[in-house]
C-alpha atoms as a PDB file:
ATOM      1  CA  MET A   1      12.012  10.323  11.691  1.00  0.00           C
ATOM      2  CA  LYS A   2      11.437  10.573   7.946  1.00  0.00           C
ATOM      3  CA  ARG A   3       9.069   7.617   8.092  1.00  0.00           C
ATOM      4  CA  SER A   4       7.008   9.313  10.809  1.00  0.00           C
ATOM      5  CA  ILE A   5       6.804  12.478   8.704  1.00  0.00           C
ATOM      6  CA  LEU A   6       5.424  10.464   5.794  1.00  0.00           C
ATOM      7  CA  VAL A   7       2.847   8.792   8.017  1.00  0.00           C
ATOM      8  CA  THR A   8       1.784  12.163   9.438  1.00  0.00           C
ATOM      9  CA  MET A   9       1.423  13.568   5.937  1.00  0.00           C
ATOM     10  CA  MET A  10      -0.738  10.626   4.902  1.00  0.00           C
ATOM     11  CA  MET A  11      -3.001  11.074   7.903  1.00  0.00           C
ATOM     12  CA  ALA A  12      -3.358  14.785   7.238  1.00  0.00           C
ATOM     13  CA  LEU A  13      -4.367  14.304   3.616  1.00  0.00           C
ATOM     14  CA  ALA A  14      -6.457  11.148   3.796  1.00  0.00           C
ATOM     15  CA  ALA A  15     -10.132  11.043   4.586  1.00  0.00           C
ATOM     16  CA  ILE A  16     -10.886   9.403   7.925  1.00  0.00           C
ATOM     17  CA  VAL A  17     -12.748   6.243   7.001  1.00  0.00           C
ATOM     18  CA  SER A  18     -13.706   3.139   8.895  1.00  0.00           C
ATOM     19  CA  ALA A  19     -12.526  -0.320   7.857  1.00  0.00           C
ATOM     20  CA  GLN A  20     -14.292  -0.352   4.510  1.00  0.00           C
ATOM     21  CA  GLY A  21     -14.076  -3.457   2.347  1.00  0.00           C
ATOM     22  CA  ILE A  22     -10.829  -3.594   0.400  1.00  0.00           C
ATOM     23  CA  LEU A  23     -11.356  -6.534  -1.952  1.00  0.00           C
ATOM     24  CA  MET A  24      -7.905  -7.957  -1.229  1.00  0.00           C
ATOM     25  CA  SER A  25      -6.822  -9.827   1.870  1.00  0.00           C
ATOM     26  CA  PHE A  26      -3.732  -8.795   3.824  1.00  0.00           C
ATOM     27  CA  ASP A  27      -2.141 -12.140   2.914  1.00  0.00           C
ATOM     28  CA  ASP A  28      -2.647 -11.412  -0.795  1.00  0.00           C
ATOM     29  CA  PHE A  29      -1.222  -7.903  -0.320  1.00  0.00           C
ATOM     30  CA  LYS A  30       1.875  -9.339   1.372  1.00  0.00           C
ATOM     31  CA  ALA A  31       2.335 -11.948  -1.352  1.00  0.00           C
ATOM     32  CA  THR A  32       2.017  -9.293  -4.071  1.00  0.00           C
ATOM     33  CA  MET A  33       4.485  -6.913  -2.436  1.00  0.00           C
ATOM     34  CA  LYS A  34       7.037  -9.650  -1.711  1.00  0.00           C
ATOM     35  CA  VAL A  35       7.481 -10.330  -5.425  1.00  0.00           C
ATOM     36  CA  ALA A  36       7.192  -6.689  -6.546  1.00  0.00           C
ATOM     37  CA  LYS A  37      10.449  -5.171  -7.808  1.00  0.00           C
ATOM     38  CA  ILE A  38      10.351  -1.547  -6.660  1.00  0.00           C
ATOM     39  CA  PRO A  39      12.987   0.362  -8.672  1.00  0.00           C
ATOM     40  CA  GLY A  40      15.719   1.800  -6.450  1.00  0.00           C
ATOM     41  CA  TYR A  41      14.392   0.386  -3.156  1.00  0.00           C
ATOM     42  CA  THR A  42      14.811  -2.663  -0.923  1.00  0.00           C
ATOM     43  CA  GLN A  43      12.010  -3.951   1.263  1.00  0.00           C
ATOM     44  CA  MET A  44      12.376  -2.969   4.932  1.00  0.00           C
ATOM     45  CA  GLY A  45      10.970  -4.985   7.832  1.00  0.00           C
ATOM     46  CA  ASP A  46       7.524  -6.517   8.171  1.00  0.00           C
ATOM     47  CA  MET A  47       4.443  -5.307   6.386  1.00  0.00           C
ATOM     48  CA  GLU A  48       1.696  -3.918   8.603  1.00  0.00           C
ATOM     49  CA  GLN A  49      -2.068  -4.305   8.744  1.00  0.00           C
ATOM     50  CA  GLY A  50      -4.004  -1.392  10.233  1.00  0.00           C
ATOM     51  CA  SER A  51      -7.706  -1.158  10.989  1.00  0.00           C
ATOM     52  CA  SER A  52      -8.443   0.061   7.462  1.00  0.00           C
ATOM     53  CA  ASP A  53      -5.194  -0.237   5.500  1.00  0.00           C
ATOM     54  CA  TYR A  54      -2.134  -2.306   4.600  1.00  0.00           C
ATOM     55  CA  THR A  55       1.380  -0.793   4.521  1.00  0.00           C
ATOM     56  CA  ALA A  56       4.754  -1.873   3.109  1.00  0.00           C
ATOM     57  CA  SER A  57       7.923   0.113   3.943  1.00  0.00           C
ATOM     58  CA  TYR A  58      11.050   0.442   1.807  1.00  0.00           C
ATOM     59  CA  PHE A  59      14.352   2.320   1.860  1.00  0.00           C
ATOM     60  CA  ASN A  60      17.412   2.808  -0.368  1.00  0.00           C
ATOM     61  CA  ASN A  61      21.082   3.604   0.151  1.00  0.00           C
ATOM     62  CA  MET A  62      20.322   7.328  -0.139  1.00  0.00           C
ATOM     63  CA  GLU A  63      18.331   7.110   3.123  1.00  0.00           C
ATOM     64  CA  ASP A  64      15.172   7.699   1.154  1.00  0.00           C
ATOM     65  CA  TYR A  65      12.158   6.082   2.849  1.00  0.00           C
ATOM     66  CA  LEU A  66       9.192   4.876   0.848  1.00  0.00           C
ATOM     67  CA  LEU A  67       5.733   3.892   2.075  1.00  0.00           C
ATOM     68  CA  ILE A  68       3.285   1.966  -0.092  1.00  0.00           C
ATOM     69  CA  LYS A  69      -0.188   1.834   1.352  1.00  0.00           C
ATOM     70  CA  LEU A  70      -3.468   0.228   0.299  1.00  0.00           C
ATOM     71  CA  GLU A  71      -6.507   1.942   1.797  1.00  0.00           C
ATOM     72  CA  ALA A  72     -10.263   1.866   1.300  1.00  0.00           C
ATOM     73  CA  GLN A  73     -11.597   3.347  -1.933  1.00  0.00           C
ATOM     74  CA  ALA A  74     -13.448   5.973   0.126  1.00  0.00           C
ATOM     75  CA  ALA A  75     -10.090   7.363   1.280  1.00  0.00           C
ATOM     76  CA  TYR A  76      -9.263   8.587  -2.233  1.00  0.00           C
ATOM     77  CA  ALA A  77     -11.392  11.730  -1.901  1.00  0.00           C
ATOM     78  CA  GLY A  78      -9.238  12.905   0.997  1.00  0.00           C
ATOM     79  CA  TYR A  79      -6.139  12.961  -1.194  1.00  0.00           C
ATOM     80  CA  THR A  80      -7.715  15.101  -3.928  1.00  0.00           C
ATOM     81  CA  LYS A  81      -7.682  18.360  -1.962  1.00  0.00           C
ATOM     82  CA  ASN A  82      -5.148  20.810  -3.412  1.00  0.00           C
ATOM     83  CA  ALA A  83      -3.780  18.008  -5.600  1.00  0.00           C
ATOM     84  CA  LYS A  84      -3.254  17.735  -9.342  1.00  0.00           C
ATOM     85  CA  PRO A  85      -5.589  15.143 -10.916  1.00  0.00           C
ATOM     86  CA  PHE A  86      -4.545  13.002 -13.877  1.00  0.00           C
ATOM     87  CA  THR A  87      -5.059   9.490 -15.243  1.00  0.00           C
ATOM     88  CA  LEU A  88      -2.521   6.724 -14.654  1.00  0.00           C
ATOM     89  CA  ASP A  89      -2.973   3.608 -16.780  1.00  0.00           C
ATOM     90  CA  GLY A  90      -6.728   4.159 -16.840  1.00  0.00           C
ATOM     91  CA  ASN A  91      -7.038   4.872 -13.114  1.00  0.00           C
ATOM     92  CA  LYS A  92      -7.946   8.183 -11.479  1.00  0.00           C
ATOM     93  CA  ALA A  93      -4.860   9.583  -9.749  1.00  0.00           C
ATOM     94  CA  VAL A  94      -3.634  12.693  -7.954  1.00  0.00           C
ATOM     95  CA  ILE A  95      -0.216  13.872  -6.863  1.00  0.00           C
ATOM     96  CA  SER A  96       0.276  16.390  -4.081  1.00  0.00           C
ATOM     97  CA  THR A  97       3.292  18.037  -2.480  1.00  0.00           C
ATOM     98  CA  GLN A  98       3.878  19.262   1.035  1.00  0.00           C
ATOM     99  CA  GLY A  99       7.246  20.834   1.764  1.00  0.00           C
ATOM    100  CA  GLU A 100       9.970  18.447   0.619  1.00  0.00           C
ATOM    101  CA  ASN A 101       7.583  15.509   0.322  1.00  0.00           C
ATOM    102  CA  ALA A 102       5.210  14.366  -2.389  1.00  0.00           C
ATOM    103  CA  MET A 103       2.491  11.752  -2.474  1.00  0.00           C
ATOM    104  CA  LEU A 104       0.668   9.840  -5.196  1.00  0.00           C
ATOM    105  CA  ALA A 105      -2.825   8.407  -4.691  1.00  0.00           C
ATOM    106  CA  VAL A 106      -4.455   6.091  -7.247  1.00  0.00           C
ATOM    107  CA  GLU A 107      -8.053   4.868  -7.144  1.00  0.00           C
ATOM    108  CA  ILE A 108      -8.247   1.113  -7.873  1.00  0.00           C
ATOM    109  CA  THR A 109     -11.885   0.347  -8.575  1.00  0.00           C
ATOM    110  CA  GLY A 110     -11.246  -3.364  -9.165  1.00  0.00           C
ATOM    111  CA  LEU A 111     -10.181  -3.742  -5.529  1.00  0.00           C
ATOM    112  CA  LYS A 112     -12.393  -0.982  -4.085  1.00  0.00           C
ATOM    113  CA  ALA A 113      -9.130   0.483  -2.821  1.00  0.00           C
ATOM    114  CA  THR A 114      -6.773   3.462  -2.917  1.00  0.00           C
ATOM    115  CA  LEU A 115      -3.066   2.946  -3.587  1.00  0.00           C
ATOM    116  CA  VAL A 116      -0.873   5.565  -1.885  1.00  0.00           C
ATOM    117  CA  VAL A 117       2.844   6.040  -2.615  1.00  0.00           C
ATOM    118  CA  ALA A 118       4.938   8.443  -0.511  1.00  0.00           C
ATOM    119  CA  ALA A 119       8.727   8.905  -0.536  1.00  0.00           C
ATOM    120  CA  SER A 120      10.753  11.046   1.863  1.00  0.00           C
ATOM    121  CA  LYS A 121      12.919  12.714  -0.784  1.00  0.00           C
ATOM    122  CA  SER A 122      11.693  12.350  -4.354  1.00  0.00           C
ATOM    123  CA  LYS A 123       9.064  14.730  -5.788  1.00  0.00           C
ATOM    124  CA  ASP A 124       9.457  13.460  -9.369  1.00  0.00           C
ATOM    125  CA  LYS A 125       6.056  12.489 -10.782  1.00  0.00           C
ATOM    126  CA  ALA A 126       7.632   9.974 -13.168  1.00  0.00           C
ATOM    127  CA  VAL A 127       9.331   8.211 -10.243  1.00  0.00           C
ATOM    128  CA  TYR A 128       6.020   7.879  -8.409  1.00  0.00           C
ATOM    129  CA  GLU A 129       4.297   6.538 -11.509  1.00  0.00           C
ATOM    130  CA  ALA A 130       7.042   3.926 -11.994  1.00  0.00           C
ATOM    131  CA  ILE A 131       6.728   2.812  -8.362  1.00  0.00           C
ATOM    132  CA  ALA A 132       2.935   2.546  -8.613  1.00  0.00           C
ATOM    133  CA  ARG A 133       3.242   0.373 -11.725  1.00  0.00           C
ATOM    134  CA  ALA A 134       5.896  -1.805 -10.073  1.00  0.00           C
ATOM    135  CA  THR A 135       3.526  -2.712  -7.219  1.00  0.00           C
ATOM    136  CA  ASN A 136       1.382  -4.673  -9.695  1.00  0.00           C
ATOM    137  CA  LEU A 137      -1.666  -3.481  -7.741  1.00  0.00           C
ATOM    138  CA  MET A 138      -3.179  -0.893 -10.072  1.00  0.00           C
ATOM    139  CA  ASN A 139      -5.013  -3.212 -12.436  1.00  0.00           C
ATOM    140  CA  LYS A 140      -5.759  -6.031 -10.033  1.00  0.00           C
ATOM    141  CA  LYS A 141      -9.303  -7.190  -9.513  1.00  0.00           C
ATOM    142  CA  ALA A 142     -10.877  -9.089  -6.671  1.00  0.00           C
ATOM    143  CA  LYS A 143     -10.439 -12.828  -6.744  1.00  0.00           C
ATOM    144  CA  SER A 144     -13.297 -14.941  -7.961  1.00  0.00           C
ATOM    145  CA  SER A 145     -16.171 -14.780  -5.520  1.00  0.00           C
ATOM    146  CA  ASP A 146     -17.351 -18.338  -6.224  1.00  0.00           C
ATOM    147  CA  TRP A 147     -18.844 -19.889  -3.120  1.00  0.00           C
ATOM    148  CA  PRO A 148     -17.443 -23.163  -1.752  1.00  0.00           C
ATOM    149  CA  ALA A 149     -19.321 -26.168  -3.108  1.00  0.00           C
ATOM    150  CA  GLU A 150     -20.167 -27.371   0.410  1.00  0.00           C
ATOM    151  CA  ILE A 151     -22.596 -24.445   0.847  1.00  0.00           C
ATOM    152  CA  PRO A 152     -25.557 -24.874  -1.553  1.00  0.00           C
ATOM    153  CA  SER A 153     -27.072 -21.828  -3.216  1.00  0.00           C
ATOM    154  CA  SER A 154     -30.169 -22.047  -1.008  1.00  0.00           C
ATOM    155  CA  CYS A 155     -27.959 -21.426   2.056  1.00  0.00           C
ATOM    156  CA  ARG A 156     -25.968 -18.464   0.746  1.00  0.00           C
ATOM    157  CA  PRO A 157     -26.730 -14.867   1.761  1.00  0.00           C
ATOM    158  CA  ALA A 158     -26.931 -12.466  -1.165  1.00  0.00           C
ATOM    159  CA  GLY A 159     -24.375  -9.683  -1.619  1.00  0.00           C
ATOM    160  CA  THR A 160     -20.643  -9.412  -2.193  1.00  0.00           C
ATOM    161  CA  MET A 161     -18.626 -12.379  -0.969  1.00  0.00           C
ATOM    162  CA  VAL A 162     -14.989 -11.312  -0.552  1.00  0.00           C
ATOM    163  CA  SER A 163     -13.276 -14.553   0.447  1.00  0.00           C
ATOM    164  CA  PHE A 164     -13.585 -17.772   2.404  1.00  0.00           C
ATOM    165  CA  THR A 165     -11.377 -20.158   4.367  1.00  0.00           C
ATOM    166  CA  LYS A 166     -12.051 -23.819   4.936  1.00  0.00           C
ATOM    167  CA  GLN A 167     -10.751 -26.271   7.523  1.00  0.00           C
ATOM    168  CA  ALA A 168     -11.541 -29.694   8.952  1.00  0.00           C
ATOM    169  CA  SER A 169     -13.599 -29.452  12.136  1.00  0.00           C
ATOM    170  CA  GLU A 170     -12.888 -30.977  15.534  1.00  0.00           C
ATOM    171  CA  THR A 171     -16.496 -30.399  16.617  1.00  0.00           C
ATOM    172  CA  GLU A 172     -18.517 -33.586  16.935  1.00  0.00           C
ATOM    173  CA  GLY A 173     -20.974 -33.982  14.091  1.00  0.00           C
ATOM    174  CA  VAL A 174     -19.297 -31.271  12.009  1.00  0.00           C
ATOM    175  CA  ARG A 175     -17.108 -32.276   9.075  1.00  0.00           C
ATOM    176  CA  VAL A 176     -15.930 -28.899   7.759  1.00  0.00           C
ATOM    177  CA  GLU A 177     -15.895 -25.320   9.083  1.00  0.00           C
ATOM    178  CA  ILE A 178     -16.039 -22.542   6.482  1.00  0.00           C
ATOM    179  CA  THR A 179     -15.549 -18.878   7.375  1.00  0.00           C
ATOM    180  CA  VAL A 180     -17.056 -16.580   4.739  1.00  0.00           C
ATOM    181  CA  THR A 181     -16.252 -12.858   4.551  1.00  0.00           C
ATOM    182  CA  MET A 182     -19.056 -10.698   3.130  1.00  0.00           C
ATOM    183  CA  LEU A 183     -19.485  -6.959   2.616  1.00  0.00           C
ATOM    184  CA  MET A 184     -22.274  -5.359   4.620  1.00  0.00           C
ATOM    185  CA  SER A 185     -25.120  -3.988   2.510  1.00  0.00           C
ATOM    186  CA  ALA A 186     -28.897  -3.636   2.556  1.00  0.00           C
ATOM    187  CA  GLU A 187     -29.086  -6.602   0.185  1.00  0.00           C
ATOM    188  CA  PHE A 188     -27.031  -8.738   2.588  1.00  0.00           C
ATOM    189  CA  LYS A 189     -29.177  -7.800   5.617  1.00  0.00           C
ATOM    190  CA  ALA A 190     -32.406  -8.539   3.755  1.00  0.00           C
ATOM    191  CA  SER A 191     -31.032 -11.874   2.575  1.00  0.00           C
ATOM    192  CA  VAL A 192     -30.034 -12.973   6.097  1.00  0.00           C
ATOM    193  CA  LYS A 193     -33.506 -11.986   7.328  1.00  0.00           C
ATOM    194  CA  ASN A 194     -35.034 -14.092   4.564  1.00  0.00           C
ATOM    195  CA  LEU A 195     -32.872 -17.120   5.431  1.00  0.00           C
ATOM    196  CA  ARG A 196     -33.890 -16.822   9.078  1.00  0.00           C
ATOM    197  CA  SER A 197     -37.567 -16.765   8.136  1.00  0.00           C
ATOM    198  CA  LYS A 198     -37.284 -19.765   5.797  1.00  0.00           C
ATOM    199  CA  PHE A 199     -35.196 -22.009   8.044  1.00  0.00           C
ATOM    200  CA  GLU A 200     -34.838 -22.843  11.744  1.00  0.00           C
ATOM    201  CA  ASP A 201     -33.821 -19.611  13.486  1.00  0.00           C
ATOM    202  CA  ASN A 202     -32.163 -20.077  16.874  1.00  0.00           C
ATOM    203  CA  GLY A 203     -31.149 -16.447  17.466  1.00  0.00           C
ATOM    204  CA  SER A 204     -27.417 -16.994  17.698  1.00  0.00           C
ATOM    205  CA  PHE A 205     -27.415 -19.259  14.635  1.00  0.00           C
ATOM    206  CA  VAL A 206     -29.727 -20.531  11.922  1.00  0.00           C
ATOM    207  CA  THR A 207     -29.970 -24.161  10.808  1.00  0.00           C
ATOM    208  CA  LEU A 208     -30.184 -24.175   7.023  1.00  0.00           C
ATOM    209  CA  ALA A 209     -30.792 -26.929   4.467  1.00  0.00           C
ATOM    210  CA  ASP A 210     -28.909 -30.212   4.952  1.00  0.00           C
ATOM    211  CA  ARG A 211     -28.419 -29.293   8.652  1.00  0.00           C
ATOM    212  CA  ILE A 212     -25.828 -26.636   7.737  1.00  0.00           C
ATOM    213  CA  MET A 213     -25.480 -24.055  10.511  1.00  0.00           C
ATOM    214  CA  MET A 214     -24.733 -20.365   9.878  1.00  0.00           C
ATOM    215  CA  ILE A 215     -23.310 -18.266  12.729  1.00  0.00           C
ATOM    216  CA  TYR A 216     -22.323 -14.592  12.977  1.00  0.00           C
ATOM    217  CA  LEU A 217     -18.880 -14.679  14.569  1.00  0.00           C
ATOM    218  CA  ASN A 218     -19.125 -11.391  16.456  1.00  0.00           C
ATOM    219  CA  GLY A 219     -22.505 -11.704  18.135  1.00  0.00           C
ATOM    220  CA  GLU A 220     -26.140 -12.654  17.653  1.00  0.00           C
ATOM    221  CA  LEU A 221     -27.692 -12.685  14.201  1.00  0.00           C
ATOM    222  CA  ASP A 222     -29.818  -9.680  15.249  1.00  0.00           C
ATOM    223  CA  ASP A 223     -26.584  -7.713  15.681  1.00  0.00           C
ATOM    224  CA  LEU A 224     -26.102  -7.764  11.912  1.00  0.00           C
ATOM    225  CA  ASN A 225     -28.787  -5.060  11.696  1.00  0.00           C
ATOM    226  CA  THR A 226     -26.658  -2.513  13.571  1.00  0.00           C
ATOM    227  CA  CYS A 227     -23.076  -3.803  13.778  1.00  0.00           C
ATOM    228  CA  CYS A 228     -21.570  -2.433  10.605  1.00  0.00           C
ATOM    229  CA  LYS A 229     -21.708   0.269   7.975  1.00  0.00           C
ATOM    230  CA  ASP A 230     -22.231  -0.535   4.314  1.00  0.00           C
ATOM    231  CA  GLY A 231     -18.975  -1.762   2.793  1.00  0.00           C
ATOM    232  CA  GLU A 232     -17.525  -3.114   6.031  1.00  0.00           C
ATOM    233  CA  LYS A 233     -16.484  -6.753   6.214  1.00  0.00           C
ATOM    234  CA  VAL A 234     -18.641  -9.291   8.053  1.00  0.00           C
ATOM    235  CA  GLU A 235     -17.568 -12.841   8.902  1.00  0.00           C
ATOM    236  CA  LEU A 236     -20.011 -15.752   8.954  1.00  0.00           C
ATOM    237  CA  LEU A 237     -19.137 -19.264  10.085  1.00  0.00           C
ATOM    238  CA  PHE A 238     -20.774 -22.257   8.418  1.00  0.00           C
ATOM    239  CA  TYR A 239     -20.740 -25.697  10.050  1.00  0.00           C
ATOM    240  CA  ILE A 240     -20.977 -28.430   7.414  1.00  0.00           C
ATOM    241  CA  PRO A 241     -22.134 -31.808   8.832  1.00  0.00           C
END
């Protein structure tokens, strides 16, 4: 019950945003929270990935529930209404109260994210600050956006590359498959258009230098013009022969 109240409070205060690009994967969030020592709490159950957020739940022996949430940076504005602004370790932050509950929101520019801390009983600002610090999220920055060496610079779309995964391929004639996650932007769209004009454009994929193929995983390459808002994540698949 108390957990549902906290979730409802978060939804009421937060801005409604689409799945904007948090520069941290859910796997990295889970790994960070698993080693975090949250004072006075024990981790409860599995961590959850929503359409635009990651959540970790905690509780203590006083039946006090705690939710730690990482949302898009755009969500921060929704928490500032009727809240008290301050600075926490160099980050913009606000704390708000509603009835017996309080909530801390911290803007993390290095991850393009908003850290939200909400407990079912405590309204002590110092407690919330200590919890936020204990997450080890506030001063994190996105991992290095170096491209994999298998994709030469002439085959790389411009823009923000968030992450990539690489695996051996079972497709005949393909040695490695690399999935690259980018952030949608005007620069990215223009760059894809340029690659298609320079190389062999087949509509659903483009054959780049060294016979490398680039594919949009969720449709035709033309769909990149309308599929996503700026800041949303886009996945491209590269076949390396």
